[in-house]
Amino acid sequence: MQTVDCIINNVLTGPKSTDLTLRSSIYRLFRNRVFMVFVAGLAFSLPIINIFTAFIVDLYQDRGSTKKEASYGLIALNLCGGLGRLSPGFMMKIPGMTTLGVPIIACVLLGIGILCSVFVPGMSLLILSSCVTGFAIGILGASLNVTTARLVGTKHLGNAIGIICTMNGIGTAISVCGR
């Protein structure tokens, strides 16, 4: 039977024999080339999502839309984002789908949606491109943790998500500095 001191020490100090240190985990993550390419891709795509979401109403209003019409575009973006969050589970069950297949599809759709948002002439096409962009944002958001866990394992998942978020912050800071 364990004493109270032994239970408190075990809770405070954690398990006794773990070979994983922060340094070794970070080292293994930076040595994982596939994960680092994934991080680099996210460092380019996540800031675009942040900036697009922040300025979507301005994009609509620059095209001559009223605030009400611009809010429809924002609603379309968010509704399709919700639908996009449902699709990675189905997409990952497709035979032959690789671990990075779903985020790659999401980034391609994201690029198409944002380019169309900038260059399409009519309001209905602008709303459609907002739907495509929202769908891609949902796919990428839902598949981020699963893809990361498959690439690095659950043992390193916390540090891997920390690296992704740090690179997202650096990418956003760099992208905003150009304005």
N, C-alpha and C. Protein backbone atom coordinates (compact mmCIF):
# COMPACT_ATOMS: atom_id res chain seq x y z
N MET A 1 0.84 -1.17 0.00
CA MET A 1 0.00 0.00 0.00
C MET A 1 0.89 1.24 0.00
N GLN A 2 0.54 2.21 -0.82
CA GLN A 2 1.35 3.41 -0.93
C GLN A 2 0.98 4.40 0.17
N THR A 3 1.99 5.09 0.62
CA THR A 3 1.74 6.14 1.60
C THR A 3 1.36 7.42 0.88
N VAL A 4 0.88 8.39 1.64
CA VAL A 4 0.47 9.67 1.06
C VAL A 4 1.68 10.38 0.47
N ASP A 5 2.83 10.33 1.16
CA ASP A 5 4.03 10.98 0.63
C ASP A 5 4.45 10.38 -0.71
N CYS A 6 4.36 9.07 -0.83
CA CYS A 6 4.74 8.41 -2.07
C CYS A 6 3.80 8.81 -3.20
N ILE A 7 2.51 8.92 -2.92
CA ILE A 7 1.53 9.32 -3.94
C ILE A 7 1.78 10.76 -4.36
N ILE A 8 2.01 11.65 -3.39
CA ILE A 8 2.26 13.05 -3.71
C ILE A 8 3.53 13.20 -4.53
N ASN A 9 4.60 12.50 -4.15
CA ASN A 9 5.84 12.58 -4.91
C ASN A 9 5.66 12.06 -6.33
N ASN A 10 4.90 10.98 -6.47
CA ASN A 10 4.69 10.41 -7.80
C ASN A 10 3.87 11.37 -8.67
N VAL A 11 2.88 12.04 -8.09
CA VAL A 11 2.07 12.99 -8.85
C VAL A 11 2.90 14.20 -9.24
N LEU A 12 3.73 14.68 -8.33
CA LEU A 12 4.51 15.88 -8.60
C LEU A 12 5.68 15.62 -9.54
N THR A 13 6.31 14.47 -9.41
CA THR A 13 7.49 14.22 -10.23
C THR A 13 7.18 13.47 -11.51
N GLY A 14 6.04 12.85 -11.60
CA GLY A 14 5.68 12.11 -12.81
C GLY A 14 6.25 10.71 -12.77
N PRO A 15 6.13 10.00 -13.88
CA PRO A 15 6.65 8.64 -13.93
C PRO A 15 8.16 8.61 -13.75
N LYS A 16 8.65 7.55 -13.18
CA LYS A 16 10.06 7.48 -12.82
C LYS A 16 11.00 7.31 -14.01
N SER A 17 10.68 6.44 -14.94
CA SER A 17 11.65 6.13 -15.98
C SER A 17 11.16 6.59 -17.36
N THR A 18 11.37 7.85 -17.64
CA THR A 18 11.08 8.33 -18.99
C THR A 18 12.39 8.76 -19.61
N ASP A 19 12.64 8.26 -20.79
CA ASP A 19 13.86 8.61 -21.50
C ASP A 19 13.68 9.87 -22.33
N LEU A 20 12.46 10.35 -22.44
CA LEU A 20 12.16 11.48 -23.30
C LEU A 20 12.37 12.79 -22.55
N THR A 21 13.29 13.58 -23.04
CA THR A 21 13.48 14.92 -22.51
C THR A 21 13.05 15.91 -23.57
N LEU A 22 12.90 17.16 -23.18
CA LEU A 22 12.50 18.19 -24.13
C LEU A 22 13.55 18.31 -25.24
N ARG A 23 14.80 18.27 -24.85
CA ARG A 23 15.88 18.40 -25.84
C ARG A 23 15.86 17.26 -26.84
N SER A 24 15.70 16.03 -26.36
CA SER A 24 15.70 14.89 -27.28
C SER A 24 14.46 14.89 -28.17
N SER A 25 13.34 15.33 -27.63
CA SER A 25 12.11 15.39 -28.43
C SER A 25 12.23 16.43 -29.54
N ILE A 26 12.72 17.62 -29.20
CA ILE A 26 12.90 18.68 -30.20
C ILE A 26 13.93 18.24 -31.25
N TYR A 27 14.99 17.59 -30.80
CA TYR A 27 16.02 17.09 -31.72
C TYR A 27 15.41 16.10 -32.72
N ARG A 28 14.62 15.16 -32.21
CA ARG A 28 13.99 14.18 -33.10
C ARG A 28 13.00 14.84 -34.06
N LEU A 29 12.29 15.84 -33.58
CA LEU A 29 11.34 16.52 -34.46
C LEU A 29 12.05 17.27 -35.59
N PHE A 30 13.14 17.96 -35.27
CA PHE A 30 13.86 18.69 -36.30
C PHE A 30 14.61 17.76 -37.26
N ARG A 31 14.88 16.54 -36.83
CA ARG A 31 15.52 15.56 -37.71
C ARG A 31 14.51 14.85 -38.62
N ASN A 32 13.24 14.97 -38.31
CA ASN A 32 12.18 14.35 -39.11
C ASN A 32 11.89 15.26 -40.31
N ARG A 33 12.43 14.91 -41.46
CA ARG A 33 12.35 15.78 -42.64
C ARG A 33 10.92 15.95 -43.15
N VAL A 34 10.15 14.89 -43.11
CA VAL A 34 8.76 14.98 -43.58
C VAL A 34 7.97 15.95 -42.69
N PHE A 35 8.18 15.85 -41.39
CA PHE A 35 7.50 16.77 -40.48
C PHE A 35 7.94 18.21 -40.71
N MET A 36 9.21 18.43 -40.95
CA MET A 36 9.69 19.80 -41.16
C MET A 36 9.16 20.38 -42.47
N VAL A 37 8.99 19.57 -43.50
CA VAL A 37 8.37 20.05 -44.74
C VAL A 37 6.90 20.38 -44.48
N PHE A 38 6.24 19.57 -43.68
CA PHE A 38 4.85 19.84 -43.28
C PHE A 38 4.77 21.16 -42.52
N VAL A 39 5.69 21.39 -41.60
CA VAL A 39 5.72 22.64 -40.84
C VAL A 39 5.96 23.83 -41.76
N ALA A 40 6.87 23.68 -42.71
CA ALA A 40 7.14 24.77 -43.65
C ALA A 40 5.90 25.09 -44.49
N GLY A 41 5.20 24.06 -44.93
CA GLY A 41 3.97 24.28 -45.69
C GLY A 41 2.91 24.99 -44.86
N LEU A 42 2.79 24.60 -43.60
CA LEU A 42 1.83 25.26 -42.72
C LEU A 42 2.26 26.69 -42.40
N ALA A 43 3.56 26.93 -42.33
CA ALA A 43 4.05 28.29 -42.05
C ALA A 43 3.68 29.24 -43.18
N PHE A 44 3.50 28.71 -44.39
CA PHE A 44 3.06 29.54 -45.51
C PHE A 44 1.53 29.62 -45.61
N SER A 45 0.84 28.52 -45.30
CA SER A 45 -0.61 28.51 -45.52
C SER A 45 -1.43 29.07 -44.36
N LEU A 46 -1.03 28.83 -43.12
CA LEU A 46 -1.82 29.32 -41.99
C LEU A 46 -1.87 30.84 -41.89
N PRO A 47 -0.78 31.58 -42.15
CA PRO A 47 -0.90 33.04 -42.15
C PRO A 47 -1.86 33.56 -43.22
N ILE A 48 -1.91 32.88 -44.36
CA ILE A 48 -2.83 33.29 -45.42
C ILE A 48 -4.27 33.14 -44.92
N ILE A 49 -4.54 32.06 -44.21
CA ILE A 49 -5.88 31.85 -43.66
C ILE A 49 -6.22 32.96 -42.67
N ASN A 50 -5.28 33.29 -41.79
CA ASN A 50 -5.53 34.34 -40.80
C ASN A 50 -5.82 35.68 -41.46
N ILE A 51 -5.02 36.04 -42.43
CA ILE A 51 -5.19 37.33 -43.10
C ILE A 51 -6.47 37.35 -43.92
N PHE A 52 -6.76 36.27 -44.64
CA PHE A 52 -7.97 36.22 -45.45
C PHE A 52 -9.22 36.33 -44.58
N THR A 53 -9.24 35.61 -43.47
CA THR A 53 -10.39 35.66 -42.58
C THR A 53 -10.57 37.04 -41.97
N ALA A 54 -9.47 37.70 -41.66
CA ALA A 54 -9.56 39.04 -41.07
C ALA A 54 -10.06 40.08 -42.06
N PHE A 55 -9.75 39.91 -43.33
CA PHE A 55 -10.07 40.95 -44.31
C PHE A 55 -11.12 40.54 -45.33
N ILE A 56 -11.88 39.48 -45.07
CA ILE A 56 -12.86 39.04 -46.06
C ILE A 56 -13.97 40.07 -46.25
N VAL A 57 -14.40 40.72 -45.19
CA VAL A 57 -15.45 41.73 -45.32
C VAL A 57 -14.94 42.91 -46.14
N ASP A 58 -13.69 43.30 -45.93
CA ASP A 58 -13.10 44.38 -46.74
C ASP A 58 -13.01 43.99 -48.20
N LEU A 59 -12.71 42.72 -48.47
CA LEU A 59 -12.65 42.24 -49.85
C LEU A 59 -14.00 42.40 -50.54
N TYR A 60 -15.05 42.05 -49.83
CA TYR A 60 -16.39 42.21 -50.39
C TYR A 60 -16.76 43.68 -50.57
N GLN A 61 -16.44 44.50 -49.59
CA GLN A 61 -16.80 45.91 -49.68
C GLN A 61 -16.00 46.63 -50.75
N ASP A 62 -14.78 46.20 -51.01
CA ASP A 62 -14.00 46.79 -52.11
C ASP A 62 -14.63 46.48 -53.47
N ARG A 63 -15.39 45.41 -53.53
CA ARG A 63 -16.08 45.05 -54.77
C ARG A 63 -17.43 45.75 -54.90
N GLY A 64 -17.76 46.61 -53.96
CA GLY A 64 -19.02 47.35 -54.04
C GLY A 64 -20.17 46.70 -53.29
N SER A 65 -19.89 45.74 -52.45
CA SER A 65 -20.94 45.07 -51.68
C SER A 65 -21.34 45.91 -50.48
N THR A 66 -22.56 45.74 -50.05
CA THR A 66 -22.99 46.35 -48.80
C THR A 66 -22.46 45.50 -47.65
N LYS A 67 -22.60 46.01 -46.44
CA LYS A 67 -22.16 45.23 -45.28
C LYS A 67 -22.98 43.95 -45.14
N LYS A 68 -24.25 44.01 -45.53
CA LYS A 68 -25.10 42.83 -45.45
C LYS A 68 -24.62 41.75 -46.42
N GLU A 69 -24.29 42.14 -47.64
CA GLU A 69 -23.77 41.18 -48.62
C GLU A 69 -22.41 40.64 -48.19
N ALA A 70 -21.60 41.50 -47.59
CA ALA A 70 -20.29 41.05 -47.09
C ALA A 70 -20.45 40.06 -45.95
N SER A 71 -21.48 40.27 -45.13
CA SER A 71 -21.71 39.31 -44.05
C SER A 71 -22.16 37.96 -44.59
N TYR A 72 -22.85 37.94 -45.75
CA TYR A 72 -23.21 36.67 -46.38
C TYR A 72 -21.95 35.91 -46.80
N GLY A 73 -20.96 36.64 -47.29
CA GLY A 73 -19.70 35.99 -47.65
C GLY A 73 -19.00 35.40 -46.45
N LEU A 74 -19.03 36.12 -45.33
CA LEU A 74 -18.42 35.62 -44.10
C LEU A 74 -19.18 34.41 -43.58
N ILE A 75 -20.51 34.46 -43.67
CA ILE A 75 -21.33 33.31 -43.25
C ILE A 75 -21.04 32.10 -44.14
N ALA A 76 -20.92 32.33 -45.45
CA ALA A 76 -20.61 31.23 -46.37
C ALA A 76 -19.26 30.62 -46.04
N LEU A 77 -18.27 31.47 -45.72
CA LEU A 77 -16.94 30.98 -45.35
C LEU A 77 -17.03 30.08 -44.13
N ASN A 78 -17.76 30.51 -43.11
CA ASN A 78 -17.83 29.75 -41.87
C ASN A 78 -18.69 28.49 -41.99
N LEU A 79 -19.80 28.56 -42.72
CA LEU A 79 -20.62 27.36 -42.90
C LEU A 79 -19.88 26.28 -43.68
N CYS A 80 -19.22 26.68 -44.73
CA CYS A 80 -18.45 25.70 -45.51
C CYS A 80 -17.23 25.22 -44.74
N GLY A 81 -16.70 26.06 -43.84
CA GLY A 81 -15.63 25.60 -42.96
C GLY A 81 -16.11 24.49 -42.04
N GLY A 82 -17.35 24.60 -41.57
CA GLY A 82 -17.93 23.53 -40.76
C GLY A 82 -18.09 22.25 -41.54
N LEU A 83 -18.52 22.37 -42.79
CA LEU A 83 -18.63 21.18 -43.64
C LEU A 83 -17.25 20.59 -43.95
N GLY A 84 -16.27 21.46 -44.11
CA GLY A 84 -14.92 21.01 -44.38
C GLY A 84 -14.33 20.24 -43.22
N ARG A 85 -14.74 20.56 -42.00
CA ARG A 85 -14.23 19.85 -40.83
C ARG A 85 -14.72 18.40 -40.78
N LEU A 86 -15.81 18.13 -41.47
CA LEU A 86 -16.35 16.77 -41.48
C LEU A 86 -15.66 15.86 -42.49
N SER A 87 -15.06 16.44 -43.51
CA SER A 87 -14.57 15.65 -44.63
C SER A 87 -13.23 14.93 -44.43
N PRO A 88 -12.30 15.38 -43.59
CA PRO A 88 -11.04 14.62 -43.49
C PRO A 88 -11.21 13.18 -43.03
N GLY A 89 -12.19 12.92 -42.20
CA GLY A 89 -12.43 11.54 -41.77
C GLY A 89 -12.79 10.64 -42.94
N PHE A 90 -13.59 11.18 -43.85
CA PHE A 90 -13.95 10.41 -45.05
C PHE A 90 -12.77 10.31 -46.01
N MET A 91 -12.04 11.41 -46.15
CA MET A 91 -10.93 11.44 -47.10
C MET A 91 -9.81 10.50 -46.69
N MET A 92 -9.56 10.36 -45.38
CA MET A 92 -8.48 9.50 -44.91
C MET A 92 -8.79 8.02 -45.10
N LYS A 93 -10.06 7.70 -45.35
CA LYS A 93 -10.44 6.30 -45.58
C LYS A 93 -10.33 5.91 -47.04
N ILE A 94 -10.02 6.84 -47.90
CA ILE A 94 -9.84 6.53 -49.32
C ILE A 94 -8.59 5.66 -49.46
N PRO A 95 -8.70 4.52 -50.14
CA PRO A 95 -7.51 3.67 -50.31
C PRO A 95 -6.40 4.42 -51.05
N GLY A 96 -5.20 4.32 -50.53
CA GLY A 96 -4.05 4.98 -51.15
C GLY A 96 -3.81 6.40 -50.68
N MET A 97 -4.69 6.94 -49.82
CA MET A 97 -4.50 8.31 -49.32
C MET A 97 -3.34 8.31 -48.33
N THR A 98 -2.35 9.13 -48.61
CA THR A 98 -1.19 9.21 -47.74
C THR A 98 -1.47 10.12 -46.55
N THR A 99 -0.56 10.14 -45.62
CA THR A 99 -0.71 10.98 -44.44
C THR A 99 -0.81 12.45 -44.80
N LEU A 100 0.00 12.89 -45.74
CA LEU A 100 0.00 14.29 -46.14
C LEU A 100 -1.00 14.59 -47.26
N GLY A 101 -1.73 13.59 -47.72
CA GLY A 101 -2.66 13.79 -48.82
C GLY A 101 -3.77 14.78 -48.50
N VAL A 102 -4.36 14.66 -47.33
CA VAL A 102 -5.47 15.53 -46.96
C VAL A 102 -5.02 16.98 -46.80
N PRO A 103 -3.92 17.28 -46.08
CA PRO A 103 -3.48 18.67 -46.02
C PRO A 103 -3.06 19.24 -47.38
N ILE A 104 -2.52 18.40 -48.25
CA ILE A 104 -2.14 18.87 -49.59
C ILE A 104 -3.40 19.26 -50.38
N ILE A 105 -4.42 18.42 -50.31
CA ILE A 105 -5.69 18.74 -50.98
C ILE A 105 -6.26 20.04 -50.42
N ALA A 106 -6.19 20.19 -49.09
CA ALA A 106 -6.71 21.41 -48.47
C ALA A 106 -5.94 22.65 -48.93
N CYS A 107 -4.63 22.55 -49.04
CA CYS A 107 -3.83 23.70 -49.47
C CYS A 107 -4.07 24.05 -50.94
N VAL A 108 -4.28 23.04 -51.77
CA VAL A 108 -4.60 23.31 -53.18
C VAL A 108 -5.95 24.00 -53.29
N LEU A 109 -6.95 23.48 -52.56
CA LEU A 109 -8.27 24.13 -52.55
C LEU A 109 -8.18 25.55 -51.99
N LEU A 110 -7.36 25.73 -50.97
CA LEU A 110 -7.18 27.05 -50.37
C LEU A 110 -6.60 28.02 -51.39
N GLY A 111 -5.60 27.59 -52.11
CA GLY A 111 -5.00 28.45 -53.14
C GLY A 111 -5.99 28.81 -54.23
N ILE A 112 -6.76 27.82 -54.68
CA ILE A 112 -7.76 28.08 -55.71
C ILE A 112 -8.82 29.05 -55.19
N GLY A 113 -9.29 28.82 -53.98
CA GLY A 113 -10.34 29.68 -53.42
C GLY A 113 -9.89 31.11 -53.23
N ILE A 114 -8.68 31.30 -52.73
CA ILE A 114 -8.20 32.66 -52.49
C ILE A 114 -7.90 33.37 -53.81
N LEU A 115 -7.29 32.68 -54.75
CA LEU A 115 -7.04 33.30 -56.06
C LEU A 115 -8.35 33.69 -56.74
N CYS A 116 -9.33 32.81 -56.67
CA CYS A 116 -10.63 33.15 -57.26
C CYS A 116 -11.29 34.31 -56.52
N SER A 117 -11.11 34.37 -55.20
CA SER A 117 -11.68 35.48 -54.43
C SER A 117 -11.13 36.82 -54.88
N VAL A 118 -9.90 36.83 -55.28
CA VAL A 118 -9.28 38.08 -55.69
C VAL A 118 -9.65 38.45 -57.13
N PHE A 119 -9.79 37.45 -58.00
CA PHE A 119 -9.90 37.74 -59.43
C PHE A 119 -11.27 37.52 -60.06
N VAL A 120 -12.24 36.90 -59.38
CA VAL A 120 -13.54 36.65 -60.03
C VAL A 120 -14.33 37.95 -60.15
N PRO A 121 -15.12 38.08 -61.23
CA PRO A 121 -15.80 39.35 -61.47
C PRO A 121 -17.12 39.53 -60.71
N GLY A 122 -17.93 38.50 -60.54
CA GLY A 122 -19.27 38.69 -60.00
C GLY A 122 -19.38 38.35 -58.52
N MET A 123 -20.50 38.81 -57.93
CA MET A 123 -20.73 38.57 -56.51
C MET A 123 -21.02 37.10 -56.23
N SER A 124 -21.75 36.43 -57.10
CA SER A 124 -22.07 35.02 -56.87
C SER A 124 -20.81 34.16 -56.94
N LEU A 125 -19.91 34.49 -57.85
CA LEU A 125 -18.64 33.75 -57.92
C LEU A 125 -17.75 34.06 -56.71
N LEU A 126 -17.85 35.26 -56.20
CA LEU A 126 -17.09 35.62 -55.00
C LEU A 126 -17.59 34.82 -53.80
N ILE A 127 -18.89 34.67 -53.68
CA ILE A 127 -19.44 33.86 -52.59
C ILE A 127 -19.05 32.39 -52.77
N LEU A 128 -19.07 31.90 -54.01
CA LEU A 128 -18.65 30.53 -54.28
C LEU A 128 -17.18 30.32 -53.92
N SER A 129 -16.34 31.28 -54.24
CA SER A 129 -14.92 31.16 -53.89
C SER A 129 -14.73 31.23 -52.38
N SER A 130 -15.58 31.99 -51.69
CA SER A 130 -15.53 32.00 -50.22
C SER A 130 -15.92 30.64 -49.66
N CYS A 131 -16.87 29.98 -50.31
CA CYS A 131 -17.26 28.63 -49.89
C CYS A 131 -16.10 27.64 -50.06
N VAL A 132 -15.42 27.72 -51.20
CA VAL A 132 -14.28 26.84 -51.46
C VAL A 132 -13.17 27.09 -50.44
N THR A 133 -12.91 28.37 -50.17
CA THR A 133 -11.88 28.72 -49.19
C THR A 133 -12.25 28.24 -47.80
N GLY A 134 -13.50 28.44 -47.41
CA GLY A 134 -13.95 27.97 -46.10
C GLY A 134 -13.87 26.47 -45.97
N PHE A 135 -14.24 25.76 -47.02
CA PHE A 135 -14.16 24.30 -47.02
C PHE A 135 -12.72 23.85 -46.82
N ALA A 136 -11.79 24.51 -47.50
CA ALA A 136 -10.37 24.18 -47.37
C ALA A 136 -9.86 24.50 -45.97
N ILE A 137 -10.30 25.62 -45.40
CA ILE A 137 -9.89 25.98 -44.04
C ILE A 137 -10.37 24.91 -43.06
N GLY A 138 -11.60 24.44 -43.23
CA GLY A 138 -12.13 23.39 -42.36
C GLY A 138 -11.35 22.10 -42.47
N ILE A 139 -11.02 21.71 -43.70
CA ILE A 139 -10.24 20.48 -43.90
C ILE A 139 -8.88 20.59 -43.22
N LEU A 140 -8.21 21.72 -43.43
CA LEU A 140 -6.88 21.89 -42.87
C LEU A 140 -6.92 21.94 -41.35
N GLY A 141 -7.90 22.64 -40.80
CA GLY A 141 -8.01 22.72 -39.35
C GLY A 141 -8.30 21.38 -38.70
N ALA A 142 -9.15 20.58 -39.33
CA ALA A 142 -9.51 19.28 -38.75
C ALA A 142 -8.41 18.24 -38.91
N SER A 143 -7.62 18.35 -39.96
CA SER A 143 -6.60 17.33 -40.21
C SER A 143 -5.25 17.66 -39.60
N LEU A 144 -5.11 18.84 -39.05
CA LEU A 144 -3.81 19.29 -38.53
C LEU A 144 -3.27 18.37 -37.44
N ASN A 145 -4.05 18.13 -36.39
CA ASN A 145 -3.56 17.32 -35.27
C ASN A 145 -3.39 15.85 -35.65
N VAL A 146 -4.31 15.33 -36.45
CA VAL A 146 -4.22 13.92 -36.85
C VAL A 146 -2.99 13.68 -37.71
N THR A 147 -2.76 14.58 -38.66
CA THR A 147 -1.60 14.45 -39.54
C THR A 147 -0.31 14.56 -38.73
N THR A 148 -0.28 15.52 -37.81
CA THR A 148 0.91 15.69 -36.98
C THR A 148 1.16 14.45 -36.13
N ALA A 149 0.11 13.89 -35.55
CA ALA A 149 0.27 12.67 -34.74
C ALA A 149 0.76 11.50 -35.58
N ARG A 150 0.29 11.40 -36.81
CA ARG A 150 0.76 10.31 -37.68
C ARG A 150 2.21 10.51 -38.09
N LEU A 151 2.64 11.75 -38.24
CA LEU A 151 4.02 12.02 -38.67
C LEU A 151 5.03 11.84 -37.54
N VAL A 152 4.68 12.25 -36.32
CA VAL A 152 5.67 12.25 -35.24
C VAL A 152 5.32 11.31 -34.10
N GLY A 153 4.10 10.79 -34.05
CA GLY A 153 3.68 9.94 -32.95
C GLY A 153 3.15 10.77 -31.79
N THR A 154 2.41 10.12 -30.93
CA THR A 154 1.79 10.83 -29.82
C THR A 154 2.80 11.24 -28.76
N LYS A 155 3.92 10.57 -28.73
CA LYS A 155 4.95 10.88 -27.74
C LYS A 155 5.51 12.30 -27.93
N HIS A 156 5.60 12.75 -29.16
CA HIS A 156 6.17 14.05 -29.47
C HIS A 156 5.11 15.06 -29.92
N LEU A 157 3.83 14.72 -29.79
CA LEU A 157 2.76 15.54 -30.35
C LEU A 157 2.71 16.94 -29.75
N GLY A 158 2.85 17.05 -28.45
CA GLY A 158 2.80 18.36 -27.80
C GLY A 158 3.87 19.31 -28.30
N ASN A 159 5.10 18.82 -28.39
CA ASN A 159 6.19 19.65 -28.89
C ASN A 159 6.03 19.95 -30.37
N ALA A 160 5.49 18.99 -31.13
CA ALA A 160 5.28 19.21 -32.56
C ALA A 160 4.24 20.31 -32.80
N ILE A 161 3.15 20.28 -32.04
CA ILE A 161 2.13 21.33 -32.17
C ILE A 161 2.72 22.67 -31.75
N GLY A 162 3.57 22.67 -30.75
CA GLY A 162 4.25 23.91 -30.34
C GLY A 162 5.12 24.48 -31.44
N ILE A 163 5.85 23.62 -32.15
CA ILE A 163 6.68 24.07 -33.27
C ILE A 163 5.79 24.63 -34.38
N ILE A 164 4.68 23.95 -34.68
CA ILE A 164 3.77 24.42 -35.72
C ILE A 164 3.21 25.80 -35.36
N CYS A 165 2.78 25.96 -34.12
CA CYS A 165 2.22 27.26 -33.70
C CYS A 165 3.27 28.36 -33.71
N THR A 166 4.49 28.04 -33.32
CA THR A 166 5.57 29.03 -33.35
C THR A 166 5.87 29.45 -34.78
N MET A 167 5.95 28.49 -35.68
CA MET A 167 6.21 28.83 -37.08
C MET A 167 5.05 29.59 -37.70
N ASN A 168 3.82 29.29 -37.27
CA ASN A 168 2.66 30.05 -37.72
C ASN A 168 2.79 31.51 -37.28
N GLY A 169 3.20 31.73 -36.04
CA GLY A 169 3.39 33.10 -35.56
C GLY A 169 4.48 33.83 -36.32
N ILE A 170 5.58 33.14 -36.57
CA ILE A 170 6.67 33.77 -37.33
C ILE A 170 6.22 34.06 -38.76
N GLY A 171 5.52 33.12 -39.38
CA GLY A 171 5.02 33.32 -40.74
C GLY A 171 4.03 34.47 -40.82
N THR A 172 3.15 34.58 -39.83
CA THR A 172 2.19 35.68 -39.81
C THR A 172 2.90 37.01 -39.62
N ALA A 173 3.89 37.05 -38.73
CA ALA A 173 4.63 38.30 -38.53
C ALA A 173 5.36 38.73 -39.80
N ILE A 174 5.95 37.79 -40.49
CA ILE A 174 6.66 38.12 -41.74
C ILE A 174 5.67 38.58 -42.81
N SER A 175 4.53 37.91 -42.91
CA SER A 175 3.57 38.28 -43.95
C SER A 175 2.93 39.63 -43.69
N VAL A 176 2.76 40.00 -42.45
CA VAL A 176 2.16 41.29 -42.13
C VAL A 176 3.18 42.42 -42.28
N CYS A 177 4.46 42.12 -42.09
CA CYS A 177 5.49 43.16 -42.22
C CYS A 177 5.60 43.69 -43.64
N GLY A 178 5.20 42.92 -44.62
CA GLY A 178 5.28 43.36 -46.00
C GLY A 178 4.23 44.38 -46.39
N ARG A 179 3.25 44.62 -45.54
CA ARG A 179 2.16 45.56 -45.86
C ARG A 179 2.59 46.96 -45.65
